[in-house]
Amino acid sequence: MISGYPIWVVLLIGCGVFCASFVDAIGGGGGIISVPVYLLAGLPTHFALGTNKLSSGLGTAASPFRYLKNGFVDWKLAIPSVGFALYGAHLGTKLQIALDERYLKYLLLIVLPVVAFVMLRQKKFPEEKREINRKLQMLIVWSASFLVGGYDGFYGPGTGTFLLLIFCNFAKMDMRTASGNVKVVNLSSNIGAVVTSILAGKVLFPIGIIAAVFSM
């Protein structure tokens, strides 16, 4: 038994998280798979979301550094975005924890197909940056970091795709720079959500760490 669950259930979660991370590495949206896997394994909704955030966060913690190494991060946009994403994720996670589990489960059943639809509808992103007023660009990027960070703390699947859509289509960033900034923001919102969930006691560490290994 691991955290009160049979070993075969934990291994099943690990296999599901592995598939989710594989899909996430190709096109994003792995949370559409991993969150239902935790729920189907029998974890209470708040623990499923908190533990999923731990495993997915650890599994993708190194992903921003490749973009940093190649200079694909706009730091004037990214540094304030970190703060906005952290705070947004903290508030989103607090709201999720405060919501009754019955209502939260019904809400997730509504949100999940909407996220899946958006993921399937995403189009090719621009390779070159386009002209935009710098102050407007800052407003768009920082607002998105806070709002989507809040969504990431509350639920999570599709966060990277939502940010990429906003950064490319509205903030007029090129694909590589947008991706680099998305990784920084997503890592920040993951940290904010994980820390808030841990402080609230909503993370099953043994299951989350084993799943993180599968995710990596």
Protein backbone atom coordinates (compact mmCIF):
# COMPACT_ATOMS: atom_id res chain seq x y z
CA MET A 1 0.00 0.00 0.00
CA ILE A 2 1.22 3.52 -0.87
CA SER A 3 -0.64 6.43 0.78
CA GLY A 4 -3.52 4.00 1.40
CA TYR A 5 -3.74 2.81 -2.25
CA PRO A 6 -2.70 -0.60 -3.66
CA ILE A 7 0.59 -0.67 -5.56
CA TRP A 8 -1.16 -1.66 -8.80
CA VAL A 9 -3.32 1.49 -8.59
CA VAL A 10 -0.23 3.67 -8.12
CA LEU A 11 1.47 1.98 -11.09
CA LEU A 12 -1.68 2.56 -13.14
CA ILE A 13 -1.50 6.25 -12.23
CA GLY A 14 2.16 6.25 -13.26
CA CYS A 15 1.33 4.75 -16.67
CA GLY A 16 -1.41 7.34 -17.18
CA VAL A 17 0.93 10.18 -16.22
CA PHE A 18 3.57 8.78 -18.59
CA CYS A 19 1.05 8.92 -21.48
CA ALA A 20 -0.03 12.41 -20.43
CA SER A 21 3.58 13.68 -20.40
CA PHE A 22 4.24 12.07 -23.79
CA VAL A 23 1.23 13.91 -25.27
CA ASP A 24 2.24 17.11 -23.46
CA ALA A 25 5.75 16.98 -24.95
CA ILE A 26 4.31 16.70 -28.47
CA GLY A 27 1.49 19.22 -28.45
CA GLY A 28 0.58 20.17 -24.87
CA GLY A 29 -2.57 19.44 -22.90
CA GLY A 30 -1.32 16.40 -20.99
CA GLY A 31 -3.43 17.42 -17.99
CA ILE A 32 -6.52 16.42 -19.98
CA ILE A 33 -5.29 12.84 -19.47
CA SER A 34 -3.54 12.97 -16.08
CA VAL A 35 -6.30 14.62 -14.03
CA PRO A 36 -8.97 12.05 -15.02
CA VAL A 37 -6.42 9.28 -14.32
CA TYR A 38 -6.05 10.45 -10.72
CA LEU A 39 -9.82 10.76 -10.34
CA LEU A 40 -10.47 7.31 -11.82
CA ALA A 41 -7.89 5.87 -9.43
CA GLY A 42 -10.15 6.99 -6.60
CA LEU A 43 -8.32 10.04 -5.22
CA PRO A 44 -10.62 12.72 -3.77
CA THR A 45 -10.89 15.66 -6.17
CA HIS A 46 -8.78 18.11 -4.16
CA PHE A 47 -6.05 15.50 -3.63
CA ALA A 48 -6.19 14.48 -7.30
CA LEU A 49 -5.60 18.07 -8.43
CA GLY A 50 -2.91 18.76 -5.80
CA THR A 51 -1.01 15.53 -6.43
CA ASN A 52 -1.28 15.96 -10.20
CA LYS A 53 0.19 19.43 -9.88
CA LEU A 54 3.14 18.01 -7.92
CA SER A 55 3.87 15.23 -10.44
CA SER A 56 3.43 17.41 -13.53
CA GLY A 57 5.41 20.27 -11.98
CA LEU A 58 8.37 18.06 -11.10
CA GLY A 59 8.18 16.35 -14.47
CA THR A 60 8.47 19.61 -16.40
CA ALA A 61 10.66 21.63 -14.02
CA ALA A 62 13.68 21.50 -16.33
CA SER A 63 11.82 22.49 -19.51
CA PRO A 64 12.35 26.29 -19.27
CA PHE A 65 16.13 25.98 -19.10
CA ARG A 66 16.53 24.90 -22.73
CA TYR A 67 14.78 28.11 -23.80
CA LEU A 68 16.84 30.16 -21.35
CA LYS A 69 20.06 28.68 -22.69
CA ASN A 70 19.14 29.61 -26.27
CA GLY A 71 18.01 33.14 -25.35
CA PHE A 72 14.34 32.59 -26.22
CA VAL A 73 12.97 34.53 -23.23
CA ASP A 74 12.00 38.20 -23.19
CA TRP A 75 13.09 39.02 -19.64
CA LYS A 76 11.40 42.43 -19.46
CA LEU A 77 8.12 40.57 -19.94
CA ALA A 78 9.06 37.40 -18.08
CA ILE A 79 10.26 38.73 -14.72
CA PRO A 80 7.02 40.55 -13.78
CA SER A 81 5.08 37.62 -15.27
CA VAL A 82 6.61 35.32 -12.66
CA GLY A 83 5.08 37.36 -9.83
CA PHE A 84 1.69 37.62 -11.52
CA ALA A 85 1.62 33.87 -12.26
CA LEU A 86 2.63 32.93 -8.71
CA TYR A 87 -0.06 35.10 -7.15
CA GLY A 88 -2.72 34.09 -9.66
CA ALA A 89 -2.01 30.40 -9.10
CA HIS A 90 -2.10 30.89 -5.33
CA LEU A 91 -5.53 32.51 -5.53
CA GLY A 92 -6.81 29.91 -8.00
CA THR A 93 -5.69 27.04 -5.77
CA LYS A 94 -7.21 28.68 -2.68
CA LEU A 95 -10.53 29.00 -4.53
CA GLN A 96 -10.38 25.37 -5.67
CA ILE A 97 -9.68 24.13 -2.14
CA ALA A 98 -12.51 26.25 -0.73
CA LEU A 99 -15.03 24.82 -3.23
CA ASP A 100 -17.05 21.82 -2.07
CA GLU A 101 -15.77 18.62 -3.69
CA ARG A 102 -19.17 17.70 -5.16
CA TYR A 103 -19.49 20.98 -7.03
CA LEU A 104 -15.83 20.93 -8.02
CA LYS A 105 -16.21 17.51 -9.67
CA TYR A 106 -19.24 18.67 -11.69
CA LEU A 107 -17.38 21.83 -12.71
CA LEU A 108 -14.41 19.80 -13.93
CA LEU A 109 -16.73 17.63 -16.03
CA ILE A 110 -17.88 20.81 -17.79
CA VAL A 111 -14.44 22.39 -18.16
CA LEU A 112 -12.63 19.28 -19.44
CA PRO A 113 -14.39 18.99 -22.84
CA VAL A 114 -14.10 22.77 -23.37
CA VAL A 115 -10.33 22.58 -22.83
CA ALA A 116 -10.08 19.54 -25.13
CA PHE A 117 -12.01 21.43 -27.84
CA VAL A 118 -9.66 24.43 -27.62
CA MET A 119 -6.64 22.12 -27.75
CA LEU A 120 -7.91 20.43 -30.91
CA ARG A 121 -8.73 23.75 -32.56
CA GLN A 122 -5.30 25.34 -32.08
CA LYS A 123 -3.71 26.49 -35.32
CA LYS A 124 -0.16 27.01 -36.51
CA PHE A 125 1.57 29.79 -34.63
CA PRO A 126 3.54 32.63 -36.31
CA GLU A 127 7.31 32.19 -36.59
CA GLU A 128 8.09 35.94 -36.68
CA LYS A 129 7.17 38.65 -34.19
CA ARG A 130 4.91 41.46 -35.38
CA GLU A 131 4.65 45.15 -34.54
CA ILE A 132 2.77 46.02 -31.35
CA ASN A 133 2.90 48.83 -28.83
CA ARG A 134 5.29 47.69 -26.09
CA LYS A 135 3.10 48.90 -23.22
CA LEU A 136 0.09 47.11 -24.69
CA GLN A 137 2.17 43.97 -25.08
CA MET A 138 3.22 44.16 -21.44
CA LEU A 139 -0.40 44.60 -20.33
CA ILE A 140 -1.51 41.57 -22.36
CA VAL A 141 1.32 39.31 -21.19
CA TRP A 142 1.08 40.25 -17.52
CA SER A 143 -2.73 40.05 -17.44
CA ALA A 144 -2.61 36.64 -19.12
CA SER A 145 0.04 35.44 -16.65
CA PHE A 146 -2.22 36.35 -13.74
CA LEU A 147 -5.52 35.07 -15.18
CA VAL A 148 -4.23 31.88 -16.78
CA GLY A 149 -2.04 31.34 -13.71
CA GLY A 150 -5.24 31.47 -11.67
CA TYR A 151 -6.79 28.87 -13.97
CA ASP A 152 -3.66 26.73 -13.60
CA GLY A 153 -4.00 26.84 -9.83
CA PHE A 154 -7.70 26.05 -9.97
CA TYR A 155 -7.54 23.23 -12.54
CA GLY A 156 -4.59 23.31 -14.98
CA PRO A 157 -4.97 21.30 -18.22
CA GLY A 158 -4.19 23.36 -21.31
CA THR A 159 -2.45 26.18 -19.42
CA GLY A 160 0.57 26.23 -21.74
CA THR A 161 -1.60 26.22 -24.85
CA PHE A 162 -3.81 29.03 -23.57
CA LEU A 163 -0.74 31.15 -22.80
CA LEU A 164 0.81 30.39 -26.20
CA LEU A 165 -2.40 31.37 -27.99
CA ILE A 166 -2.51 34.70 -26.13
CA PHE A 167 1.20 35.48 -26.43
CA CYS A 168 1.31 34.75 -30.17
CA ASN A 169 -2.09 36.04 -31.32
CA PHE A 170 -2.61 39.03 -29.03
CA ALA A 171 0.86 39.97 -27.74
CA LYS A 172 2.29 39.43 -31.27
CA MET A 173 5.29 37.40 -30.06
CA ASP A 174 7.11 34.96 -32.35
CA MET A 175 6.72 31.25 -31.61
CA ARG A 176 10.13 30.65 -30.02
CA THR A 177 10.08 33.67 -27.69
CA ALA A 178 6.44 33.04 -26.80
CA SER A 179 7.27 29.41 -25.98
CA GLY A 180 10.18 30.46 -23.78
CA ASN A 181 8.04 32.94 -21.86
CA VAL A 182 5.23 30.40 -21.58
CA LYS A 183 7.61 27.90 -19.96
CA VAL A 184 8.72 30.49 -17.40
CA VAL A 185 5.13 31.50 -16.58
CA ASN A 186 3.93 27.89 -16.45
CA LEU A 187 6.73 26.86 -14.10
CA SER A 188 5.87 29.82 -11.85
CA SER A 189 2.16 28.98 -11.74
CA ASN A 190 3.04 25.34 -11.01
CA ILE A 191 5.16 26.42 -8.06
CA GLY A 192 2.42 28.71 -6.74
CA ALA A 193 -0.20 25.98 -7.03
CA VAL A 194 1.96 23.21 -5.56
CA VAL A 195 3.07 25.25 -2.55
CA THR A 196 -0.52 26.32 -1.81
CA SER A 197 -1.77 22.72 -2.12
CA ILE A 198 1.01 21.42 0.14
CA LEU A 199 0.26 24.04 2.81
CA ALA A 200 -3.39 23.00 2.67
CA GLY A 201 -2.44 19.32 3.05
CA LYS A 202 -3.90 18.33 -0.32
CA VAL A 203 -0.89 16.50 -1.80
CA LEU A 204 -0.12 12.77 -1.50
CA PHE A 205 3.68 12.93 -1.71
CA PRO A 206 4.55 9.25 -2.28
CA ILE A 207 2.09 8.94 -5.20
CA GLY A 208 3.05 12.33 -6.61
CA ILE A 209 6.79 11.59 -6.57
CA ILE A 210 6.36 8.15 -8.16
CA ALA A 211 4.14 9.69 -10.84
CA ALA A 212 6.74 12.43 -11.39
CA VAL A 213 9.34 9.76 -12.22
CA PHE A 214 6.99 8.36 -14.87
CA SER A 215 6.39 11.90 -16.10
CA MET A 216 10.11 12.58 -16.55
